[in-house]
């Protein structure tokens, strides 16, 4: 009869290792390419569904923050300038911190509420409510 420790070690060797940071919510990275003078973001709708925000809202934020023009074409967003992916990923992180993550519990289970002329991020996990500073 084998000892408990040896059986446990053998079981751990057979278990598949989980890839990732261990967090429930990971910031999605943009995928795309540059075509001439334009930047094409191919996974734009995938990111908006991951963030659980309307594509129009996220598009307005990106266009304003990147100081460029652009348009949706199917599931992709086409920006009218050459913009490096590092800069776009920084803006995604800013959007996430301002419009998605709860300021109290840091969870992404939030929704945007509009009361009169003010907008708030309401957390469905802890019930906190925070005003949104920037206006789109």
C-alpha atoms as a PDB file:
ATOM      1  CA  UNK A   1       0.000   0.000   0.000  1.00  0.00           C
ATOM      2  CA  UNK A   2       1.404   3.383  -1.058  1.00  0.00           C
ATOM      3  CA  UNK A   3       1.506   6.303   1.335  1.00  0.00           C
ATOM      4  CA  UNK A   4      -0.968   9.152   1.062  1.00  0.00           C
ATOM      5  CA  UNK A   5       1.781  11.642   0.136  1.00  0.00           C
ATOM      6  CA  UNK A   6       3.054   9.559  -2.781  1.00  0.00           C
ATOM      7  CA  UNK A   7      -0.490   9.090  -4.119  1.00  0.00           C
ATOM      8  CA  UNK A   8      -1.092  12.828  -3.788  1.00  0.00           C
ATOM      9  CA  UNK A   9       2.149  13.661  -5.627  1.00  0.00           C
ATOM     10  CA  UNK A  10       1.189  11.270  -8.420  1.00  0.00           C
ATOM     11  CA  UNK A  11      -2.255  12.876  -8.701  1.00  0.00           C
ATOM     12  CA  UNK A  12      -0.734  16.381  -8.894  1.00  0.00           C
ATOM     13  CA  UNK A  13       1.512  15.233 -11.770  1.00  0.00           C
ATOM     14  CA  UNK A  14      -1.554  14.085 -13.737  1.00  0.00           C
ATOM     15  CA  UNK A  15      -3.596  17.265 -13.164  1.00  0.00           C
ATOM     16  CA  UNK A  16      -3.466  19.781 -16.002  1.00  0.00           C
ATOM     17  CA  UNK A  17      -1.774  23.054 -15.047  1.00  0.00           C
ATOM     18  CA  UNK A  18      -4.000  26.107 -15.468  1.00  0.00           C
ATOM     19  CA  UNK A  19      -2.608  28.877 -17.659  1.00  0.00           C
ATOM     20  CA  UNK A  20      -3.224  32.513 -16.718  1.00  0.00           C
ATOM     21  CA  UNK A  21      -2.882  34.819 -13.779  1.00  0.00           C
ATOM     22  CA  UNK A  22      -5.634  33.238 -11.726  1.00  0.00           C
ATOM     23  CA  UNK A  23      -7.837  36.306 -11.884  1.00  0.00           C
ATOM     24  CA  UNK A  24     -11.441  35.939 -12.942  1.00  0.00           C
ATOM     25  CA  UNK A  25     -11.299  38.972 -15.225  1.00  0.00           C
ATOM     26  CA  UNK A  26      -8.359  39.653 -17.492  1.00  0.00           C
ATOM     27  CA  UNK A  27      -7.960  42.756 -19.618  1.00  0.00           C
ATOM     28  CA  UNK A  28      -8.367  41.788 -23.278  1.00  0.00           C
ATOM     29  CA  UNK A  29      -5.595  42.799 -25.684  1.00  0.00           C
ATOM     30  CA  UNK A  30      -6.387  44.369 -29.028  1.00  0.00           C
ATOM     31  CA  UNK A  31      -5.678  42.457 -32.225  1.00  0.00           C
ATOM     32  CA  UNK A  32      -5.282  44.194 -35.528  1.00  0.00           C
ATOM     33  CA  UNK A  33      -2.988  45.380 -38.252  1.00  0.00           C
ATOM     34  CA  UNK A  34      -2.022  48.489 -40.182  1.00  0.00           C
ATOM     35  CA  UNK A  35      -3.241  48.905 -43.768  1.00  0.00           C
ATOM     36  CA  UNK A  36      -1.554  51.882 -45.411  1.00  0.00           C
ATOM     37  CA  UNK A  37      -2.457  54.889 -43.269  1.00  0.00           C
ATOM     38  CA  UNK A  38      -5.226  53.083 -41.355  1.00  0.00           C
ATOM     39  CA  UNK A  39      -5.272  50.839 -38.297  1.00  0.00           C
ATOM     40  CA  UNK A  40      -7.751  47.934 -38.363  1.00  0.00           C
ATOM     41  CA  UNK A  41      -8.857  46.495 -35.012  1.00  0.00           C
ATOM     42  CA  UNK A  42     -10.174  43.012 -35.789  1.00  0.00           C
ATOM     43  CA  UNK A  43     -11.399  41.916 -32.340  1.00  0.00           C
ATOM     44  CA  UNK A  44     -13.196  45.152 -31.393  1.00  0.00           C
ATOM     45  CA  UNK A  45     -16.667  43.624 -30.875  1.00  0.00           C
ATOM     46  CA  UNK A  46     -15.162  40.733 -28.931  1.00  0.00           C
ATOM     47  CA  UNK A  47     -13.590  43.224 -26.507  1.00  0.00           C
ATOM     48  CA  UNK A  48     -16.817  45.208 -26.089  1.00  0.00           C
ATOM     49  CA  UNK A  49     -18.760  42.038 -25.289  1.00  0.00           C
ATOM     50  CA  UNK A  50     -16.021  41.009 -22.823  1.00  0.00           C
ATOM     51  CA  UNK A  51     -16.276  44.412 -21.123  1.00  0.00           C
ATOM     52  CA  UNK A  52     -20.111  44.250 -21.305  1.00  0.00           C
ATOM     53  CA  UNK A  53     -20.430  47.769 -22.676  1.00  0.00           C
ATOM     54  CA  UNK A  54     -22.091  49.052 -25.874  1.00  0.00           C
ATOM     55  CA  UNK A  55     -19.763  49.142 -28.881  1.00  0.00           C
ATOM     56  CA  UNK A  56     -20.790  52.738 -29.648  1.00  0.00           C
ATOM     57  CA  UNK A  57     -19.763  53.905 -26.158  1.00  0.00           C
ATOM     58  CA  UNK A  58     -16.367  52.211 -26.327  1.00  0.00           C
ATOM     59  CA  UNK A  59     -15.833  53.430 -29.897  1.00  0.00           C
ATOM     60  CA  UNK A  60     -16.559  57.041 -28.899  1.00  0.00           C
ATOM     61  CA  UNK A  61     -14.102  56.762 -26.009  1.00  0.00           C
ATOM     62  CA  UNK A  62     -11.322  55.325 -28.191  1.00  0.00           C
ATOM     63  CA  UNK A  63     -11.786  57.877 -30.982  1.00  0.00           C
ATOM     64  CA  UNK A  64     -11.775  60.764 -28.510  1.00  0.00           C
ATOM     65  CA  UNK A  65      -8.773  59.511 -26.528  1.00  0.00           C
ATOM     66  CA  UNK A  66      -6.719  58.626 -29.612  1.00  0.00           C
ATOM     67  CA  UNK A  67      -7.680  61.924 -31.305  1.00  0.00           C
ATOM     68  CA  UNK A  68      -8.604  60.260 -34.569  1.00  0.00           C
ATOM     69  CA  UNK A  69     -11.586  59.450 -36.725  1.00  0.00           C
ATOM     70  CA  UNK A  70     -12.847  55.972 -37.423  1.00  0.00           C
ATOM     71  CA  UNK A  71     -15.811  53.821 -38.335  1.00  0.00           C
ATOM     72  CA  UNK A  72     -17.231  50.381 -37.670  1.00  0.00           C
ATOM     73  CA  UNK A  73     -17.128  47.959 -40.569  1.00  0.00           C
ATOM     74  CA  UNK A  74     -18.738  44.658 -39.671  1.00  0.00           C
ATOM     75  CA  UNK A  75     -17.025  43.395 -36.540  1.00  0.00           C
ATOM     76  CA  UNK A  76     -13.949  45.575 -36.929  1.00  0.00           C
ATOM     77  CA  UNK A  77     -13.116  49.162 -36.110  1.00  0.00           C
ATOM     78  CA  UNK A  78     -11.068  51.087 -38.647  1.00  0.00           C
ATOM     79  CA  UNK A  79      -9.054  54.058 -37.359  1.00  0.00           C
ATOM     80  CA  UNK A  80      -7.922  56.676 -39.860  1.00  0.00           C
ATOM     81  CA  UNK A  81      -4.371  56.919 -38.434  1.00  0.00           C
ATOM     82  CA  UNK A  82      -1.470  54.593 -37.768  1.00  0.00           C
ATOM     83  CA  UNK A  83      -1.655  53.889 -34.038  1.00  0.00           C
ATOM     84  CA  UNK A  84       0.566  51.370 -32.217  1.00  0.00           C
ATOM     85  CA  UNK A  85      -1.187  48.588 -30.327  1.00  0.00           C
ATOM     86  CA  UNK A  86       0.592  49.550 -27.082  1.00  0.00           C
ATOM     87  CA  UNK A  87      -1.169  52.920 -27.098  1.00  0.00           C
ATOM     88  CA  UNK A  88      -4.556  51.330 -27.862  1.00  0.00           C
ATOM     89  CA  UNK A  89      -4.091  48.783 -25.040  1.00  0.00           C
ATOM     90  CA  UNK A  90      -3.310  51.650 -22.631  1.00  0.00           C
ATOM     91  CA  UNK A  91      -6.586  53.317 -23.613  1.00  0.00           C
ATOM     92  CA  UNK A  92      -8.468  50.038 -23.096  1.00  0.00           C
ATOM     93  CA  UNK A  93      -7.029  49.874 -19.587  1.00  0.00           C
ATOM     94  CA  UNK A  94      -8.087  53.489 -18.923  1.00  0.00           C
ATOM     95  CA  UNK A  95     -11.615  52.684 -20.148  1.00  0.00           C
ATOM     96  CA  UNK A  96     -11.693  49.624 -17.936  1.00  0.00           C
ATOM     97  CA  UNK A  97     -10.697  51.597 -14.847  1.00  0.00           C
ATOM     98  CA  UNK A  98     -13.138  54.450 -15.517  1.00  0.00           C
ATOM     99  CA  UNK A  99     -16.230  52.691 -16.904  1.00  0.00           C
ATOM    100  CA  UNK A 100     -16.060  48.980 -15.981  1.00  0.00           C
ATOM    101  CA  UNK A 101     -14.277  48.162 -12.710  1.00  0.00           C
ATOM    102  CA  UNK A 102     -15.887  49.017  -9.361  1.00  0.00           C
ATOM    103  CA  UNK A 103     -13.823  51.502  -7.352  1.00  0.00           C
ATOM    104  CA  UNK A 104     -14.638  49.676  -4.078  1.00  0.00           C
ATOM    105  CA  UNK A 105     -14.306  45.951  -4.762  1.00  0.00           C
ATOM    106  CA  UNK A 106     -12.443  46.109  -8.157  1.00  0.00           C
ATOM    107  CA  UNK A 107     -14.903  43.642  -9.749  1.00  0.00           C
ATOM    108  CA  UNK A 108     -16.149  44.018 -13.338  1.00  0.00           C
ATOM    109  CA  UNK A 109     -19.792  43.261 -12.446  1.00  0.00           C
ATOM    110  CA  UNK A 110     -21.028  46.793 -13.100  1.00  0.00           C
ATOM    111  CA  UNK A 111     -23.503  48.708 -15.195  1.00  0.00           C
ATOM    112  CA  UNK A 112     -23.705  52.340 -16.265  1.00  0.00           C
ATOM    113  CA  UNK A 113     -26.730  54.218 -14.929  1.00  0.00           C
ATOM    114  CA  UNK A 114     -27.798  57.629 -16.147  1.00  0.00           C
ATOM    115  CA  UNK A 115     -29.633  59.889 -13.682  1.00  0.00           C
ATOM    116  CA  UNK A 116     -30.593  63.321 -15.006  1.00  0.00           C
ATOM    117  CA  UNK A 117     -27.397  64.566 -16.685  1.00  0.00           C
ATOM    118  CA  UNK A 118     -24.986  62.495 -14.584  1.00  0.00           C
ATOM    119  CA  UNK A 119     -23.701  58.989 -15.241  1.00  0.00           C
ATOM    120  CA  UNK A 120     -22.800  56.486 -12.544  1.00  0.00           C
ATOM    121  CA  UNK A 121     -21.073  53.114 -12.412  1.00  0.00           C
ATOM    122  CA  UNK A 122     -23.269  50.841 -10.277  1.00  0.00           C
ATOM    123  CA  UNK A 123     -21.639  47.673  -8.933  1.00  0.00           C
ATOM    124  CA  UNK A 124     -23.883  44.615  -8.977  1.00  0.00           C
ATOM    125  CA  UNK A 125     -21.520  42.731  -6.646  1.00  0.00           C
ATOM    126  CA  UNK A 126     -21.167  45.119  -3.694  1.00  0.00           C
ATOM    127  CA  UNK A 127     -23.852  47.731  -4.455  1.00  0.00           C
ATOM    128  CA  UNK A 128     -21.447  50.704  -4.614  1.00  0.00           C
ATOM    129  CA  UNK A 129     -22.267  53.626  -6.880  1.00  0.00           C
ATOM    130  CA  UNK A 130     -19.621  56.006  -8.254  1.00  0.00           C
ATOM    131  CA  UNK A 131     -19.961  58.961 -10.570  1.00  0.00           C
ATOM    132  CA  UNK A 132     -18.131  58.900 -13.875  1.00  0.00           C
ATOM    133  CA  UNK A 133     -15.690  61.775 -14.144  1.00  0.00           C
ATOM    134  CA  UNK A 134     -15.050  61.920 -17.867  1.00  0.00           C
ATOM    135  CA  UNK A 135     -17.756  62.698 -20.356  1.00  0.00           C
ATOM    136  CA  UNK A 136     -17.903  61.118 -23.793  1.00  0.00           C
END
